Amino acid sequence: MLVAGGIGTGLVVGWVAVRLSLPAPWNVRVWLLLSSIALALIVLLVASPAAAIGFAVALLVAALICYGWLRELARRRLAEPLS
């Protein structure tokens, strides 16, 4: 259960980090990076190394999916004809 919790937390944190960091200035991006690292350390201390690895992998996967999804939405918005 701890590994599943770490993976679920990583998915949410990765998605939210990308959604918040794209329109944000650099200092917010640094803050999000440091927060994600701190959260990974908390997962490591509370749960186990396997849960922390699951958290990190899930965070990366969710961030990549969210980034690709947002890029595709932006591409589709630009490709629409003006009406």
N, C-alpha and C. Protein backbone atom coordinates (compact mmCIF):
# COMPACT_ATOMS: atom_id res chain seq x y z
N MET A 1 0.81 -1.19 0.00
CA MET A 1 0.00 0.00 0.00
C MET A 1 0.86 1.26 0.00
N LEU A 2 1.99 1.19 0.66
CA LEU A 2 2.85 2.38 0.69
C LEU A 2 3.40 2.71 -0.69
N VAL A 3 3.75 1.69 -1.45
CA VAL A 3 4.26 1.92 -2.80
C VAL A 3 3.17 2.51 -3.68
N ALA A 4 1.95 1.99 -3.58
CA ALA A 4 0.83 2.52 -4.35
C ALA A 4 0.54 3.97 -3.96
N GLY A 5 0.64 4.27 -2.68
CA GLY A 5 0.45 5.65 -2.23
C GLY A 5 1.54 6.58 -2.77
N GLY A 6 2.77 6.10 -2.79
CA GLY A 6 3.86 6.90 -3.36
C GLY A 6 3.67 7.15 -4.84
N ILE A 7 3.21 6.13 -5.55
CA ILE A 7 2.97 6.29 -6.99
C ILE A 7 1.82 7.26 -7.24
N GLY A 8 0.74 7.13 -6.48
CA GLY A 8 -0.40 8.04 -6.65
C GLY A 8 -0.03 9.48 -6.34
N THR A 9 0.74 9.66 -5.28
CA THR A 9 1.19 11.01 -4.94
C THR A 9 2.09 11.56 -6.03
N GLY A 10 2.96 10.74 -6.57
CA GLY A 10 3.84 11.19 -7.64
C GLY A 10 3.08 11.60 -8.89
N LEU A 11 2.01 10.85 -9.21
CA LEU A 11 1.21 11.21 -10.39
C LEU A 11 0.56 12.58 -10.21
N VAL A 12 0.01 12.82 -9.05
CA VAL A 12 -0.65 14.11 -8.80
C VAL A 12 0.36 15.24 -8.76
N VAL A 13 1.45 15.05 -8.06
CA VAL A 13 2.46 16.11 -7.94
C VAL A 13 3.09 16.43 -9.29
N GLY A 14 3.35 15.41 -10.10
CA GLY A 14 3.93 15.66 -11.43
C GLY A 14 3.01 16.47 -12.31
N TRP A 15 1.73 16.11 -12.31
CA TRP A 15 0.75 16.83 -13.14
C TRP A 15 0.62 18.28 -12.68
N VAL A 16 0.48 18.47 -11.38
CA VAL A 16 0.30 19.82 -10.84
C VAL A 16 1.56 20.67 -11.05
N ALA A 17 2.72 20.06 -10.91
CA ALA A 17 3.96 20.82 -11.09
C ALA A 17 4.08 21.36 -12.51
N VAL A 18 3.74 20.56 -13.50
CA VAL A 18 3.82 21.03 -14.88
C VAL A 18 2.77 22.10 -15.14
N ARG A 19 1.55 21.89 -14.65
CA ARG A 19 0.48 22.87 -14.88
C ARG A 19 0.82 24.22 -14.25
N LEU A 20 1.50 24.21 -13.10
CA LEU A 20 1.85 25.46 -12.43
C LEU A 20 3.12 26.09 -12.99
N SER A 21 4.03 25.28 -13.49
CA SER A 21 5.34 25.82 -13.86
C SER A 21 5.39 26.41 -15.27
N LEU A 22 4.52 26.00 -16.17
CA LEU A 22 4.63 26.50 -17.54
C LEU A 22 4.40 28.01 -17.65
N PRO A 23 3.35 28.57 -17.05
CA PRO A 23 3.18 30.02 -17.18
C PRO A 23 3.89 30.81 -16.08
N ALA A 24 4.65 30.15 -15.23
CA ALA A 24 5.21 30.80 -14.05
C ALA A 24 6.62 31.33 -14.30
N PRO A 25 7.05 32.31 -13.51
CA PRO A 25 8.43 32.79 -13.61
C PRO A 25 9.42 31.76 -13.03
N TRP A 26 10.67 32.03 -13.20
CA TRP A 26 11.71 31.07 -12.84
C TRP A 26 11.73 30.75 -11.35
N ASN A 27 11.44 31.73 -10.49
CA ASN A 27 11.52 31.46 -9.05
C ASN A 27 10.42 30.49 -8.60
N VAL A 28 9.27 30.50 -9.25
CA VAL A 28 8.22 29.54 -8.93
C VAL A 28 8.64 28.15 -9.40
N ARG A 29 9.30 28.08 -10.54
CA ARG A 29 9.78 26.78 -11.03
C ARG A 29 10.81 26.18 -10.09
N VAL A 30 11.70 27.01 -9.56
CA VAL A 30 12.69 26.53 -8.60
C VAL A 30 11.99 26.05 -7.33
N TRP A 31 11.00 26.80 -6.88
CA TRP A 31 10.25 26.43 -5.68
C TRP A 31 9.54 25.09 -5.88
N LEU A 32 8.95 24.87 -7.05
CA LEU A 32 8.28 23.60 -7.33
C LEU A 32 9.28 22.45 -7.36
N LEU A 33 10.45 22.67 -7.93
CA LEU A 33 11.48 21.63 -7.96
C LEU A 33 11.93 21.27 -6.56
N LEU A 34 12.20 22.28 -5.74
CA LEU A 34 12.64 22.01 -4.37
C LEU A 34 11.53 21.34 -3.55
N SER A 35 10.29 21.72 -3.78
CA SER A 35 9.17 21.08 -3.08
C SER A 35 9.04 19.62 -3.47
N SER A 36 9.22 19.32 -4.76
CA SER A 36 9.13 17.93 -5.21
C SER A 36 10.25 17.10 -4.60
N ILE A 37 11.43 17.66 -4.51
CA ILE A 37 12.55 16.94 -3.88
C ILE A 37 12.26 16.71 -2.40
N ALA A 38 11.75 17.73 -1.72
CA ALA A 38 11.42 17.56 -0.30
C ALA A 38 10.33 16.52 -0.11
N LEU A 39 9.34 16.51 -0.97
CA LEU A 39 8.28 15.51 -0.86
C LEU A 39 8.81 14.10 -1.12
N ALA A 40 9.75 13.96 -2.05
CA ALA A 40 10.36 12.66 -2.28
C ALA A 40 11.13 12.19 -1.05
N LEU A 41 11.80 13.10 -0.38
CA LEU A 41 12.52 12.74 0.85
C LEU A 41 11.54 12.34 1.96
N ILE A 42 10.41 13.02 2.03
CA ILE A 42 9.40 12.65 3.03
C ILE A 42 8.85 11.26 2.74
N VAL A 43 8.58 10.98 1.47
CA VAL A 43 8.10 9.64 1.11
C VAL A 43 9.16 8.60 1.46
N LEU A 44 10.41 8.91 1.23
CA LEU A 44 11.49 7.98 1.56
C LEU A 44 11.55 7.72 3.06
N LEU A 45 11.42 8.77 3.86
CA LEU A 45 11.50 8.60 5.31
C LEU A 45 10.27 7.92 5.90
N VAL A 46 9.10 8.23 5.38
CA VAL A 46 7.88 7.67 5.94
C VAL A 46 7.63 6.25 5.44
N ALA A 47 7.86 6.01 4.16
CA ALA A 47 7.49 4.72 3.59
C ALA A 47 8.72 3.82 3.43
N SER A 48 9.26 3.77 2.23
CA SER A 48 10.38 2.87 1.95
C SER A 48 11.10 3.37 0.69
N PRO A 49 12.28 2.84 0.42
CA PRO A 49 12.97 3.22 -0.82
C PRO A 49 12.17 2.86 -2.07
N ALA A 50 11.45 1.74 -2.04
CA ALA A 50 10.64 1.36 -3.21
C ALA A 50 9.53 2.39 -3.45
N ALA A 51 8.92 2.88 -2.39
CA ALA A 51 7.87 3.89 -2.53
C ALA A 51 8.45 5.20 -3.06
N ALA A 52 9.66 5.55 -2.61
CA ALA A 52 10.29 6.78 -3.10
C ALA A 52 10.66 6.66 -4.58
N ILE A 53 11.11 5.50 -5.00
CA ILE A 53 11.42 5.29 -6.41
C ILE A 53 10.13 5.32 -7.24
N GLY A 54 9.08 4.70 -6.73
CA GLY A 54 7.78 4.76 -7.40
C GLY A 54 7.27 6.18 -7.50
N PHE A 55 7.46 6.95 -6.45
CA PHE A 55 7.06 8.37 -6.47
C PHE A 55 7.82 9.12 -7.56
N ALA A 56 9.13 8.94 -7.61
CA ALA A 56 9.94 9.67 -8.58
C ALA A 56 9.59 9.27 -10.02
N VAL A 57 9.41 8.00 -10.26
CA VAL A 57 9.07 7.54 -11.61
C VAL A 57 7.69 8.04 -12.01
N ALA A 58 6.73 7.96 -11.10
CA ALA A 58 5.37 8.42 -11.39
C ALA A 58 5.35 9.93 -11.62
N LEU A 59 6.13 10.67 -10.84
CA LEU A 59 6.21 12.12 -11.02
C LEU A 59 6.74 12.45 -12.42
N LEU A 60 7.77 11.77 -12.83
CA LEU A 60 8.35 12.01 -14.16
C LEU A 60 7.37 11.64 -15.27
N VAL A 61 6.70 10.50 -15.13
CA VAL A 61 5.74 10.07 -16.15
C VAL A 61 4.58 11.04 -16.24
N ALA A 62 4.03 11.44 -15.10
CA ALA A 62 2.90 12.38 -15.10
C ALA A 62 3.31 13.73 -15.67
N ALA A 63 4.51 14.18 -15.35
CA ALA A 63 4.99 15.47 -15.87
C ALA A 63 5.14 15.41 -17.39
N LEU A 64 5.69 14.33 -17.90
CA LEU A 64 5.85 14.19 -19.36
C LEU A 64 4.50 14.09 -20.07
N ILE A 65 3.57 13.35 -19.49
CA ILE A 65 2.24 13.23 -20.10
C ILE A 65 1.53 14.58 -20.10
N CYS A 66 1.59 15.29 -18.99
CA CYS A 66 0.93 16.60 -18.90
C CYS A 66 1.56 17.59 -19.88
N TYR A 67 2.88 17.59 -19.97
CA TYR A 67 3.56 18.50 -20.88
C TYR A 67 3.18 18.21 -22.33
N GLY A 68 3.16 16.93 -22.69
CA GLY A 68 2.76 16.56 -24.05
C GLY A 68 1.31 16.90 -24.33
N TRP A 69 0.45 16.70 -23.35
CA TRP A 69 -0.96 17.00 -23.50
C TRP A 69 -1.17 18.50 -23.71
N LEU A 70 -0.48 19.32 -22.93
CA LEU A 70 -0.62 20.77 -23.08
C LEU A 70 -0.06 21.25 -24.41
N ARG A 71 1.04 20.67 -24.86
CA ARG A 71 1.59 21.05 -26.17
C ARG A 71 0.63 20.69 -27.30
N GLU A 72 0.00 19.53 -27.20
CA GLU A 72 -0.96 19.12 -28.22
C GLU A 72 -2.18 20.03 -28.23
N LEU A 73 -2.66 20.41 -27.05
CA LEU A 73 -3.78 21.35 -26.98
C LEU A 73 -3.42 22.70 -27.61
N ALA A 74 -2.22 23.17 -27.33
CA ALA A 74 -1.79 24.44 -27.92
C ALA A 74 -1.65 24.32 -29.44
N ARG A 75 -1.15 23.19 -29.91
CA ARG A 75 -1.02 22.99 -31.35
C ARG A 75 -2.38 22.95 -32.03
N ARG A 76 -3.33 22.29 -31.41
CA ARG A 76 -4.66 22.22 -31.98
C ARG A 76 -5.36 23.58 -31.97
N ARG A 77 -5.11 24.35 -30.93
CA ARG A 77 -5.73 25.68 -30.85
C ARG A 77 -5.19 26.58 -31.96
N LEU A 78 -3.90 26.48 -32.26
CA LEU A 78 -3.32 27.29 -33.32
C LEU A 78 -3.75 26.81 -34.70
N ALA A 79 -4.07 25.52 -34.84
CA ALA A 79 -4.41 24.95 -36.13
C ALA A 79 -5.88 25.21 -36.51
N GLU A 80 -6.70 25.63 -35.55
CA GLU A 80 -8.12 25.85 -35.85
C GLU A 80 -8.29 27.08 -36.74
N PRO A 81 -9.21 26.99 -37.69
CA PRO A 81 -9.48 28.18 -38.51
C PRO A 81 -10.24 29.21 -37.68
N LEU A 82 -9.97 30.45 -37.95
CA LEU A 82 -10.68 31.53 -37.25
C LEU A 82 -12.09 31.64 -37.79
N SER A 83 -13.05 31.78 -36.93
CA SER A 83 -14.44 31.89 -37.39
C SER A 83 -15.05 33.21 -36.99
